Amino acid sequence: MPSVTCESLGVRFQFDREQRPVTPVLARLRRGVTESWGLRGISVTIGPGEAVALIGPSGAGKSTLLRAIAGVLPPDDGTVVTSGRIGALLATDAGLTGVLTGRENATLIAALAGLPRRRMEALLSSVASASGLGPSFDRPVMSYSEGMRARVGFAVVIEAAPDVLLLDEVHEALDHEYREVVERAASAIVARGGIVIAAGHDHPLLERIAERGILLECGTLVADGPFTDVQARYLAT
């Protein structure tokens, strides 16, 4: 069964004198390196059939937590343990390459996700339909709006049937019609025992997706409970 467990999770960022990010190796070689903890002491467990909304001000650590769960950012302290296949959409551009078409990008994303070629070819017709882009699916992505890019990325992730779906404000770039697609897809994942974790500032949308809320501030966990209760605490600050 899918699960996400963070124990005393910490993620640290290091910067040079010009405030440019540096790797740990370069940090040991350069002088004047400063550091900042994007997350510190995060302990949370999310089980099968749960939908969770991460809320908080900009810079609170929502995106950092999603990237740590996705395995993009390794912990500098504590642990992150996940089970189940993860599908993540962590940027509004969905990581698409502008010179490639929507179809070619979908193929590339599916390949990077490790889907077998035979499964990937069968997936493309479903992705083309799910994206709702029509003929634009075979046009270069550089001509796409932000919402169109998010449609392609989301369609690929959903058609790959993840056990754990991570969304970082991507849904907020979508139009009303496709937001309903996101909501239905999230509900379907939860109904089959999967996990959905969404971060953003569109609280009405998040409330429709998730019953549980987690409030982050300055990289720390401030509140965890029913979404409406956590939202009320955030808005009261």
Protein backbone atom coordinates (compact mmCIF):
# COMPACT_ATOMS: atom_id res chain seq x y z
CA MET A 1 0.00 0.00 0.00
CA PRO A 2 1.25 3.53 -0.75
CA SER A 3 2.61 5.59 2.11
CA VAL A 4 4.74 8.66 2.79
CA THR A 5 6.67 9.02 6.05
CA CYS A 6 8.96 11.90 7.01
CA GLU A 7 10.92 11.67 10.25
CA SER A 8 12.68 14.81 11.52
CA LEU A 9 13.20 15.80 7.88
CA GLY A 10 15.57 18.65 7.15
CA VAL A 11 16.65 20.10 3.80
CA ARG A 12 19.45 22.68 3.71
CA PHE A 13 20.35 25.15 0.96
CA GLN A 14 23.80 26.70 0.65
CA PHE A 15 24.70 29.93 -1.17
CA ASP A 16 27.92 31.68 -2.19
CA ARG A 17 28.65 35.37 -1.63
CA GLU A 18 26.52 36.31 -4.65
CA GLN A 19 23.64 34.29 -3.17
CA ARG A 20 23.90 31.66 -5.89
CA PRO A 21 23.09 28.07 -4.84
CA VAL A 22 26.13 25.82 -4.47
CA THR A 23 26.48 22.07 -4.09
CA PRO A 24 27.83 20.58 -0.84
CA VAL A 25 31.13 19.80 -2.59
CA LEU A 26 31.58 23.39 -3.78
CA ALA A 27 30.51 24.68 -0.37
CA ARG A 28 33.52 22.97 1.20
CA LEU A 29 35.84 24.59 -1.31
CA ARG A 30 34.53 28.14 -1.25
CA ARG A 31 34.74 30.81 1.40
CA GLY A 32 31.84 32.99 2.45
CA VAL A 33 29.24 30.26 1.98
CA THR A 34 26.01 30.78 3.90
CA GLU A 35 23.24 28.29 4.53
CA SER A 36 19.52 28.29 5.08
CA TRP A 37 17.24 25.44 6.11
CA GLY A 38 14.32 25.06 3.72
CA LEU A 39 12.83 22.43 6.01
CA ARG A 40 13.66 21.57 9.60
CA GLY A 41 12.27 18.85 11.87
CA ILE A 42 9.35 17.80 9.66
CA SER A 43 7.68 14.61 10.92
CA VAL A 44 4.53 13.50 9.15
CA THR A 45 2.92 10.25 7.99
CA ILE A 46 0.43 10.03 5.13
CA GLY A 47 -1.35 6.74 4.51
CA PRO A 48 -3.49 5.07 1.82
CA GLY A 49 -6.62 6.91 0.80
CA GLU A 50 -5.51 10.30 2.09
CA ALA A 51 -5.55 13.63 0.25
CA VAL A 52 -3.44 16.33 1.91
CA ALA A 53 -3.11 20.04 1.11
CA LEU A 54 0.09 21.88 1.99
CA ILE A 55 -0.62 25.53 2.77
CA GLY A 56 1.36 28.47 4.08
CA PRO A 57 2.95 31.72 2.89
CA SER A 58 5.37 31.84 -0.01
CA GLY A 59 8.75 30.49 1.10
CA ALA A 60 7.20 28.34 3.84
CA GLY A 61 8.71 25.12 2.45
CA LYS A 62 5.75 23.63 0.57
CA SER A 63 7.61 23.09 -2.70
CA THR A 64 10.71 21.89 -0.87
CA LEU A 65 8.69 19.26 0.99
CA LEU A 66 7.10 17.99 -2.23
CA ARG A 67 10.51 17.75 -3.88
CA ALA A 68 11.92 15.87 -0.92
CA ILE A 69 9.03 13.39 -1.09
CA ALA A 70 9.55 13.03 -4.85
CA GLY A 71 13.24 12.27 -4.29
CA VAL A 72 14.43 15.39 -6.13
CA LEU A 73 15.98 16.88 -2.99
CA PRO A 74 17.86 14.48 -0.70
CA PRO A 75 17.45 15.05 3.06
CA ASP A 76 20.28 16.76 4.93
CA ASP A 77 18.72 15.59 8.18
CA GLY A 78 16.18 12.90 9.04
CA THR A 79 14.52 10.60 6.50
CA VAL A 80 11.83 10.36 3.84
CA VAL A 81 10.41 6.91 3.12
CA THR A 82 7.80 6.31 0.42
CA SER A 83 6.10 3.27 -1.03
CA GLY A 84 4.17 3.08 -4.28
CA ARG A 85 4.73 4.62 -7.69
CA ILE A 86 5.06 8.42 -7.49
CA GLY A 87 3.69 10.78 -10.13
CA ALA A 88 4.84 14.36 -9.64
CA LEU A 89 4.05 17.63 -11.38
CA LEU A 90 6.26 20.15 -9.64
CA ALA A 91 6.40 23.13 -12.00
CA THR A 92 3.92 25.00 -14.16
CA ASP A 93 6.06 24.37 -17.25
CA ALA A 94 5.89 20.64 -16.39
CA GLY A 95 9.53 20.28 -17.43
CA LEU A 96 8.59 20.41 -21.11
CA THR A 97 11.07 21.12 -23.90
CA GLY A 98 9.93 24.03 -26.07
CA VAL A 99 11.19 22.80 -29.44
CA LEU A 100 9.39 19.46 -29.05
CA THR A 101 5.69 18.94 -29.66
CA GLY A 102 3.27 18.00 -26.94
CA ARG A 103 3.30 14.41 -28.20
CA GLU A 104 7.11 14.27 -28.24
CA ASN A 105 7.28 15.74 -24.75
CA ALA A 106 4.72 13.24 -23.50
CA THR A 107 6.85 10.44 -24.95
CA LEU A 108 9.97 11.82 -23.27
CA ILE A 109 8.27 12.24 -19.87
CA ALA A 110 6.88 8.70 -20.04
CA ALA A 111 10.32 7.33 -20.95
CA LEU A 112 11.97 9.16 -18.03
CA ALA A 113 9.28 7.70 -15.78
CA GLY A 114 10.49 4.25 -16.81
CA LEU A 115 7.45 3.11 -18.78
CA PRO A 116 8.16 0.26 -21.24
CA ARG A 117 8.03 1.32 -24.90
CA ARG A 118 4.99 -0.82 -25.67
CA ARG A 119 3.09 0.66 -22.74
CA MET A 120 4.28 4.14 -23.69
CA GLU A 121 2.94 3.88 -27.26
CA ALA A 122 -0.44 2.76 -25.97
CA LEU A 123 -0.38 5.62 -23.49
CA LEU A 124 0.03 8.40 -26.07
CA SER A 125 -3.48 8.20 -27.50
CA SER A 126 -4.88 8.36 -23.96
CA VAL A 127 -2.66 11.33 -23.11
CA ALA A 128 -3.69 13.15 -26.30
CA SER A 129 -7.34 12.72 -25.33
CA ALA A 130 -6.84 13.53 -21.64
CA SER A 131 -4.92 16.73 -22.38
CA GLY A 132 -7.84 18.09 -24.40
CA LEU A 133 -5.48 20.02 -26.70
CA GLY A 134 -6.70 18.62 -30.02
CA PRO A 135 -4.39 19.50 -32.97
CA SER A 136 -2.17 21.58 -30.65
CA PHE A 137 -0.85 18.33 -29.17
CA ASP A 138 1.31 18.00 -32.30
CA ARG A 139 2.60 21.58 -32.24
CA PRO A 140 5.83 22.78 -30.57
CA VAL A 141 5.38 23.45 -26.87
CA MET A 142 7.04 26.87 -27.26
CA SER A 143 3.70 28.02 -28.71
CA TYR A 144 1.76 26.77 -25.64
CA SER A 145 0.34 28.87 -22.85
CA GLU A 146 1.27 28.03 -19.26
CA GLY A 147 -2.03 26.21 -18.82
CA MET A 148 -1.53 24.13 -21.97
CA ARG A 149 1.87 23.01 -20.73
CA ALA A 150 0.37 22.00 -17.41
CA ARG A 151 -2.32 20.02 -19.25
CA VAL A 152 0.25 17.90 -21.07
CA GLY A 153 2.29 17.20 -17.94
CA PHE A 154 -0.77 16.38 -15.86
CA ALA A 155 -2.23 14.12 -18.54
CA VAL A 156 0.99 12.09 -18.72
CA VAL A 157 1.22 11.75 -14.94
CA ILE A 158 -2.42 10.69 -14.55
CA GLU A 159 -2.45 8.24 -17.44
CA ALA A 160 0.59 6.55 -15.87
CA ALA A 161 -1.70 5.72 -12.88
CA PRO A 162 0.48 6.80 -9.92
CA ASP A 163 -0.07 5.53 -6.39
CA VAL A 164 1.11 8.87 -4.99
CA LEU A 165 0.28 12.11 -6.84
CA LEU A 166 2.25 15.27 -6.00
CA LEU A 167 1.02 18.64 -7.32
CA ASP A 168 2.86 21.91 -6.74
CA GLU A 169 0.63 24.83 -7.75
CA VAL A 170 0.44 23.41 -11.29
CA HIS A 171 -3.34 23.10 -11.02
CA GLU A 172 -3.55 26.84 -10.41
CA ALA A 173 -2.36 27.54 -13.96
CA LEU A 174 -5.25 25.53 -15.41
CA ASP A 175 -8.57 26.85 -16.66
CA HIS A 176 -11.86 26.07 -14.90
CA GLU A 177 -12.71 23.15 -17.19
CA TYR A 178 -9.43 21.34 -16.65
CA ARG A 179 -9.39 22.02 -12.92
CA GLU A 180 -12.44 19.80 -12.76
CA VAL A 181 -10.40 17.11 -14.52
CA VAL A 182 -7.71 17.48 -11.84
CA GLU A 183 -10.29 17.18 -9.07
CA ARG A 184 -11.86 14.05 -10.57
CA ALA A 185 -8.45 12.45 -11.10
CA ALA A 186 -7.40 13.23 -7.51
CA SER A 187 -10.65 11.76 -6.17
CA ALA A 188 -10.15 8.61 -8.24
CA ILE A 189 -6.62 8.11 -6.86
CA VAL A 190 -7.84 8.49 -3.28
CA ALA A 191 -10.82 6.20 -3.92
CA ARG A 192 -8.54 3.37 -5.02
CA GLY A 193 -6.36 3.77 -1.93
CA GLY A 194 -3.73 6.11 -3.33
CA ILE A 195 -2.34 9.36 -1.92
CA VAL A 196 -2.65 12.92 -3.19
CA ILE A 197 -0.49 15.77 -1.83
CA ALA A 198 -1.16 19.20 -3.33
CA ALA A 199 0.45 22.53 -2.49
CA GLY A 200 -0.79 25.99 -3.43
CA HIS A 201 -2.62 29.15 -2.52
CA ASP A 202 -6.01 28.42 -4.11
CA HIS A 203 -7.68 27.29 -0.88
CA PRO A 204 -11.17 26.64 -2.33
CA LEU A 205 -9.65 24.25 -4.87
CA LEU A 206 -7.43 22.60 -2.26
CA GLU A 207 -10.41 22.13 0.04
CA ARG A 208 -12.27 20.30 -2.72
CA ILE A 209 -9.27 18.01 -3.25
CA ALA A 210 -8.13 17.39 0.33
CA GLU A 211 -9.74 16.79 3.72
CA ARG A 212 -6.45 17.08 5.61
CA GLY A 213 -4.27 20.17 5.75
CA ILE A 214 -0.68 20.78 6.77
CA LEU A 215 0.46 24.31 7.57
CA LEU A 216 4.12 25.16 7.04
CA GLU A 217 5.87 28.35 8.11
CA CYS A 218 9.59 29.11 7.74
CA GLY A 219 10.30 25.46 6.94
CA THR A 220 8.61 24.05 10.04
CA LEU A 221 5.34 22.21 10.55
CA VAL A 222 2.91 24.44 12.45
CA ALA A 223 -0.39 22.56 12.20
CA ASP A 224 -1.70 19.24 10.88
CA GLY A 225 -5.39 18.29 10.90
CA PRO A 226 -8.72 18.82 9.13
CA PHE A 227 -8.22 21.26 6.26
CA THR A 228 -10.76 23.82 7.48
CA ASP A 229 -9.14 23.94 10.94
CA VAL A 230 -5.63 24.31 9.56
CA GLN A 231 -6.78 26.94 7.06
CA ALA A 232 -8.46 28.92 9.86
CA ARG A 233 -5.23 28.92 11.86
CA TYR A 234 -3.26 30.13 8.84
CA LEU A 235 -5.69 32.93 8.04
CA ALA A 236 -5.69 34.03 11.70
CA THR A 237 -1.93 34.66 11.71
